[in-house]
Amino acid sequence: KMSSTQSVLEEDLSSYPGWGLDGASLHAKIPAHSWCITLQDFRFLRQQIEKAVKEGAIMQVPLNPVTGHGDEFDFRDKTIGPSMYNVVNSFIKPLTRNAGDMSWAL
């Protein structure tokens, strides 16, 4: 069964030019000062996050009464969305793992 993160992505893998490359090899070859994203990349990421929220790959996380941690963002709010912690754990980590274990910036 395809995960919700995969369904968000697999419609257009051409938008991810590094998809399927070996992340460990890329991290070894490309110096850290070259890892970056452009403004265009950032806008693309924002679109993908909105899509992931809409399709259920990124969901609210109930507040833990003991720790106070959670992410009860408003799905309709296009200004303040899910926390970066939630986005990284729910979307970016699974995406980059499926893509070959490289960072988003690679």
N, C-alpha and C. Protein backbone atom coordinates (compact mmCIF):
# COMPACT_ATOMS: atom_id res chain seq x y z
N LYS A 1 0.84 -1.19 0.00
CA LYS A 1 0.00 0.00 0.00
C LYS A 1 0.88 1.25 0.00
N MET A 2 0.50 2.24 -0.78
CA MET A 2 1.27 3.47 -0.91
C MET A 2 0.96 4.40 0.25
N SER A 3 2.00 4.98 0.86
CA SER A 3 1.79 5.92 1.95
C SER A 3 1.25 7.23 1.40
N SER A 4 0.66 8.05 2.28
CA SER A 4 0.12 9.33 1.82
C SER A 4 1.23 10.24 1.32
N THR A 5 2.44 10.12 1.89
CA THR A 5 3.56 10.91 1.40
C THR A 5 3.91 10.49 -0.02
N GLN A 6 3.93 9.21 -0.29
CA GLN A 6 4.24 8.73 -1.63
C GLN A 6 3.20 9.19 -2.63
N SER A 7 1.92 9.16 -2.25
CA SER A 7 0.89 9.57 -3.20
C SER A 7 1.00 11.04 -3.54
N VAL A 8 1.45 11.86 -2.58
CA VAL A 8 1.64 13.28 -2.86
C VAL A 8 2.74 13.46 -3.90
N LEU A 9 3.76 12.63 -3.83
CA LEU A 9 4.94 12.80 -4.65
C LEU A 9 4.88 12.12 -6.00
N GLU A 10 4.37 10.93 -6.05
CA GLU A 10 4.59 10.10 -7.22
C GLU A 10 3.83 10.56 -8.45
N GLU A 11 2.99 11.54 -8.31
CA GLU A 11 2.31 12.04 -9.49
C GLU A 11 3.27 12.79 -10.41
N ASP A 12 4.38 13.32 -9.85
CA ASP A 12 5.30 14.11 -10.67
C ASP A 12 6.72 14.01 -10.14
N LEU A 13 7.34 12.86 -10.31
CA LEU A 13 8.71 12.70 -9.83
C LEU A 13 9.69 13.58 -10.59
N SER A 14 9.31 14.07 -11.76
CA SER A 14 10.21 14.95 -12.51
C SER A 14 10.46 16.26 -11.76
N SER A 15 9.60 16.59 -10.80
CA SER A 15 9.81 17.79 -9.99
C SER A 15 10.92 17.59 -8.97
N TYR A 16 11.36 16.34 -8.81
CA TYR A 16 12.41 15.99 -7.85
C TYR A 16 13.59 15.42 -8.64
N PRO A 17 14.47 16.28 -9.16
CA PRO A 17 15.53 15.81 -10.06
C PRO A 17 16.52 14.84 -9.44
N GLY A 18 16.65 14.80 -8.13
CA GLY A 18 17.59 13.88 -7.49
C GLY A 18 16.97 12.57 -7.07
N TRP A 19 15.69 12.36 -7.39
CA TRP A 19 14.98 11.19 -6.93
C TRP A 19 15.68 9.90 -7.35
N GLY A 20 15.91 9.02 -6.39
CA GLY A 20 16.50 7.73 -6.69
C GLY A 20 18.02 7.70 -6.64
N LEU A 21 18.66 8.85 -6.46
CA LEU A 21 20.11 8.87 -6.35
C LEU A 21 20.52 8.43 -4.94
N ASP A 22 21.76 8.05 -4.78
CA ASP A 22 22.26 7.58 -3.49
C ASP A 22 22.63 8.77 -2.61
N GLY A 23 21.84 8.99 -1.55
CA GLY A 23 22.05 10.12 -0.66
C GLY A 23 23.40 10.12 0.01
N ALA A 24 23.86 8.96 0.48
CA ALA A 24 25.16 8.88 1.16
C ALA A 24 26.28 9.29 0.20
N SER A 25 26.18 8.84 -1.02
CA SER A 25 27.19 9.20 -2.03
C SER A 25 27.16 10.70 -2.33
N LEU A 26 25.96 11.25 -2.46
CA LEU A 26 25.84 12.69 -2.72
C LEU A 26 26.41 13.51 -1.57
N HIS A 27 26.09 13.12 -0.34
CA HIS A 27 26.61 13.86 0.81
C HIS A 27 28.13 13.78 0.88
N ALA A 28 28.71 12.68 0.43
CA ALA A 28 30.17 12.54 0.43
C ALA A 28 30.83 13.36 -0.67
N LYS A 29 30.16 13.49 -1.81
CA LYS A 29 30.75 14.16 -2.98
C LYS A 29 30.53 15.67 -2.99
N ILE A 30 29.36 16.10 -2.52
CA ILE A 30 29.00 17.51 -2.64
C ILE A 30 29.31 18.21 -1.32
N PRO A 31 30.18 19.23 -1.35
CA PRO A 31 30.54 19.91 -0.10
C PRO A 31 29.32 20.61 0.54
N ALA A 32 29.32 20.67 1.85
CA ALA A 32 28.19 21.22 2.59
C ALA A 32 27.84 22.64 2.16
N HIS A 33 28.83 23.44 1.77
CA HIS A 33 28.51 24.82 1.38
C HIS A 33 27.71 24.86 0.08
N SER A 34 27.58 23.74 -0.60
CA SER A 34 26.79 23.68 -1.84
C SER A 34 25.38 23.15 -1.60
N TRP A 35 25.07 22.74 -0.38
CA TRP A 35 23.72 22.27 -0.08
C TRP A 35 22.86 23.52 0.13
N CYS A 36 21.85 23.68 -0.66
CA CYS A 36 21.02 24.88 -0.53
C CYS A 36 19.69 24.67 -1.23
N ILE A 37 18.79 25.61 -1.01
CA ILE A 37 17.56 25.66 -1.79
C ILE A 37 17.40 27.09 -2.30
N THR A 38 16.79 27.20 -3.46
CA THR A 38 16.53 28.51 -4.05
C THR A 38 15.16 28.99 -3.58
N LEU A 39 14.84 30.23 -3.88
CA LEU A 39 13.51 30.75 -3.57
C LEU A 39 12.45 29.91 -4.29
N GLN A 40 12.74 29.53 -5.51
CA GLN A 40 11.82 28.68 -6.28
C GLN A 40 11.63 27.33 -5.57
N ASP A 41 12.72 26.75 -5.06
CA ASP A 41 12.64 25.50 -4.31
C ASP A 41 11.78 25.67 -3.06
N PHE A 42 11.95 26.80 -2.37
CA PHE A 42 11.18 27.06 -1.15
C PHE A 42 9.70 27.19 -1.47
N ARG A 43 9.37 27.87 -2.55
CA ARG A 43 7.96 28.01 -2.95
C ARG A 43 7.37 26.64 -3.31
N PHE A 44 8.18 25.83 -3.99
CA PHE A 44 7.75 24.47 -4.33
C PHE A 44 7.48 23.66 -3.05
N LEU A 45 8.38 23.76 -2.08
CA LEU A 45 8.21 23.06 -0.81
C LEU A 45 6.90 23.49 -0.15
N ARG A 46 6.65 24.78 -0.13
CA ARG A 46 5.40 25.28 0.48
C ARG A 46 4.18 24.68 -0.22
N GLN A 47 4.20 24.62 -1.54
CA GLN A 47 3.09 24.01 -2.29
C GLN A 47 2.93 22.53 -1.92
N GLN A 48 4.05 21.84 -1.80
CA GLN A 48 4.00 20.42 -1.46
C GLN A 48 3.49 20.21 -0.03
N ILE A 49 3.85 21.11 0.88
CA ILE A 49 3.35 21.02 2.25
C ILE A 49 1.84 21.23 2.27
N GLU A 50 1.36 22.23 1.55
CA GLU A 50 -0.08 22.47 1.49
C GLU A 50 -0.81 21.25 0.93
N LYS A 51 -0.24 20.66 -0.10
CA LYS A 51 -0.82 19.47 -0.72
C LYS A 51 -0.79 18.30 0.27
N ALA A 52 0.31 18.14 0.99
CA ALA A 52 0.43 17.05 1.96
C ALA A 52 -0.58 17.20 3.09
N VAL A 53 -0.83 18.43 3.53
CA VAL A 53 -1.85 18.67 4.55
C VAL A 53 -3.22 18.29 4.00
N LYS A 54 -3.51 18.75 2.80
CA LYS A 54 -4.81 18.48 2.17
C LYS A 54 -5.05 16.98 2.00
N GLU A 55 -3.99 16.23 1.67
CA GLU A 55 -4.14 14.80 1.39
C GLU A 55 -3.88 13.91 2.61
N GLY A 56 -3.60 14.54 3.78
CA GLY A 56 -3.48 13.77 5.01
C GLY A 56 -2.10 13.22 5.32
N ALA A 57 -1.07 13.61 4.56
CA ALA A 57 0.29 13.17 4.88
C ALA A 57 0.83 13.93 6.09
N ILE A 58 0.36 15.15 6.27
CA ILE A 58 0.70 15.95 7.46
C ILE A 58 -0.61 16.22 8.19
N MET A 59 -0.67 15.76 9.43
CA MET A 59 -1.91 15.88 10.19
C MET A 59 -1.64 16.57 11.53
N GLN A 60 -2.72 16.99 12.16
CA GLN A 60 -2.61 17.57 13.49
C GLN A 60 -2.07 16.52 14.45
N VAL A 61 -1.30 16.97 15.43
CA VAL A 61 -0.79 16.11 16.49
C VAL A 61 -1.39 16.64 17.79
N PRO A 62 -2.23 15.83 18.47
CA PRO A 62 -2.85 16.31 19.71
C PRO A 62 -1.80 16.71 20.75
N LEU A 63 -2.11 17.73 21.51
CA LEU A 63 -1.20 18.17 22.57
C LEU A 63 -1.09 17.11 23.65
N ASN A 64 0.13 16.81 24.03
CA ASN A 64 0.39 15.88 25.12
C ASN A 64 0.20 16.66 26.43
N PRO A 65 -0.70 16.22 27.31
CA PRO A 65 -0.96 16.97 28.53
C PRO A 65 0.23 17.04 29.48
N VAL A 66 1.14 16.13 29.37
CA VAL A 66 2.31 16.12 30.25
C VAL A 66 3.41 17.03 29.71
N THR A 67 3.75 16.87 28.43
CA THR A 67 4.87 17.62 27.86
C THR A 67 4.43 18.93 27.22
N GLY A 68 3.16 19.01 26.83
CA GLY A 68 2.69 20.21 26.13
C GLY A 68 3.05 20.21 24.66
N HIS A 69 3.69 19.14 24.19
CA HIS A 69 4.09 19.05 22.78
C HIS A 69 2.92 18.57 21.93
N GLY A 70 2.85 19.08 20.75
CA GLY A 70 1.82 18.70 19.80
C GLY A 70 1.75 19.76 18.71
N ASP A 71 0.83 19.58 17.81
CA ASP A 71 0.69 20.55 16.71
C ASP A 71 -0.76 20.54 16.25
N GLU A 72 -1.56 21.39 16.86
CA GLU A 72 -2.98 21.46 16.53
C GLU A 72 -3.24 22.63 15.59
N PHE A 73 -2.51 22.65 14.48
CA PHE A 73 -2.65 23.74 13.51
C PHE A 73 -4.03 23.70 12.86
N ASP A 74 -4.45 24.85 12.34
CA ASP A 74 -5.73 24.98 11.65
C ASP A 74 -5.50 24.66 10.17
N PHE A 75 -6.16 23.63 9.67
CA PHE A 75 -6.00 23.21 8.28
C PHE A 75 -6.33 24.31 7.28
N ARG A 76 -7.20 25.23 7.67
CA ARG A 76 -7.64 26.30 6.76
C ARG A 76 -6.71 27.50 6.75
N ASP A 77 -5.83 27.60 7.73
CA ASP A 77 -4.95 28.76 7.87
C ASP A 77 -3.76 28.62 6.91
N LYS A 78 -3.71 29.47 5.91
CA LYS A 78 -2.63 29.42 4.91
C LYS A 78 -1.42 30.27 5.31
N THR A 79 -1.51 30.94 6.47
CA THR A 79 -0.40 31.76 6.95
C THR A 79 0.42 31.02 7.99
N ILE A 80 -0.27 30.42 8.96
CA ILE A 80 0.40 29.66 10.01
C ILE A 80 -0.07 28.22 9.88
N GLY A 81 0.79 27.40 9.37
CA GLY A 81 0.41 26.01 9.14
C GLY A 81 1.01 25.09 10.17
N PRO A 82 1.29 23.87 9.77
CA PRO A 82 1.89 22.92 10.71
C PRO A 82 3.28 23.38 11.14
N SER A 83 3.70 22.91 12.31
CA SER A 83 5.03 23.27 12.80
C SER A 83 6.09 22.61 11.92
N MET A 84 7.28 23.18 11.93
CA MET A 84 8.38 22.58 11.15
C MET A 84 8.72 21.20 11.69
N TYR A 85 8.61 21.01 12.99
CA TYR A 85 8.85 19.69 13.57
C TYR A 85 7.91 18.66 12.94
N ASN A 86 6.63 19.01 12.84
CA ASN A 86 5.64 18.14 12.25
C ASN A 86 5.93 17.92 10.76
N VAL A 87 6.23 18.98 10.03
CA VAL A 87 6.53 18.88 8.60
C VAL A 87 7.73 17.98 8.35
N VAL A 88 8.78 18.17 9.14
CA VAL A 88 10.00 17.35 8.96
C VAL A 88 9.71 15.89 9.24
N ASN A 89 9.05 15.60 10.37
CA ASN A 89 8.81 14.19 10.73
C ASN A 89 7.75 13.52 9.87
N SER A 90 6.72 14.25 9.48
CA SER A 90 5.61 13.65 8.74
C SER A 90 5.83 13.65 7.24
N PHE A 91 6.63 14.57 6.74
CA PHE A 91 6.72 14.74 5.29
C PHE A 91 8.15 14.66 4.76
N ILE A 92 9.04 15.52 5.26
CA ILE A 92 10.39 15.59 4.67
C ILE A 92 11.20 14.33 4.92
N LYS A 93 11.19 13.81 6.14
CA LYS A 93 11.96 12.59 6.42
C LYS A 93 11.47 11.40 5.58
N PRO A 94 10.16 11.12 5.53
CA PRO A 94 9.72 10.01 4.69
C PRO A 94 10.03 10.24 3.20
N LEU A 95 9.85 11.48 2.75
CA LEU A 95 10.11 11.80 1.35
C LEU A 95 11.58 11.57 1.00
N THR A 96 12.48 12.12 1.80
CA THR A 96 13.90 12.00 1.48
C THR A 96 14.39 10.57 1.66
N ARG A 97 13.80 9.83 2.60
CA ARG A 97 14.15 8.41 2.76
C ARG A 97 13.77 7.65 1.48
N ASN A 98 12.56 7.89 0.97
CA ASN A 98 12.10 7.22 -0.25
C ASN A 98 12.90 7.64 -1.48
N ALA A 99 13.42 8.86 -1.44
CA ALA A 99 14.15 9.39 -2.60
C ALA A 99 15.59 8.91 -2.68
N GLY A 100 16.13 8.35 -1.59
CA GLY A 100 17.50 7.88 -1.61
C GLY A 100 18.31 8.30 -0.40
N ASP A 101 17.63 8.85 0.61
CA ASP A 101 18.26 9.25 1.87
C ASP A 101 19.18 10.46 1.77
N MET A 102 18.84 11.39 0.90
CA MET A 102 19.59 12.65 0.89
C MET A 102 18.78 13.71 1.61
N SER A 103 19.41 14.82 1.93
CA SER A 103 18.70 15.92 2.56
C SER A 103 17.82 16.63 1.52
N TRP A 104 16.88 17.44 2.00
CA TRP A 104 16.03 18.19 1.08
C TRP A 104 16.89 19.13 0.24
N ALA A 105 17.93 19.68 0.81
CA ALA A 105 18.78 20.65 0.10
C ALA A 105 19.60 20.00 -1.01
N LEU A 106 19.73 18.69 -1.01
CA LEU A 106 20.43 18.01 -2.10
C LEU A 106 19.43 17.55 -3.11
